[in-house]
Amino acid sequence: MFPALMGILGILHHDLQQRLPKMPKKKPKANDQNLFEDSTNSE
């Protein structure tokens, strides 16, 4: 739960979305937040 690390991940995630326009953007952001929380909790 490091704010700086989460900020970097957010920037990288946004950059990946910019580079991969083929990915569907129909998924709600709430789902992405849950995925991030699950990954941080498992580590």
Foldseek 3Di string as FASTA:
>chain_A
DDPVVVVVVVVVVVVVCVVCVVDDPPDDVVVVVVVVVVVVVVD
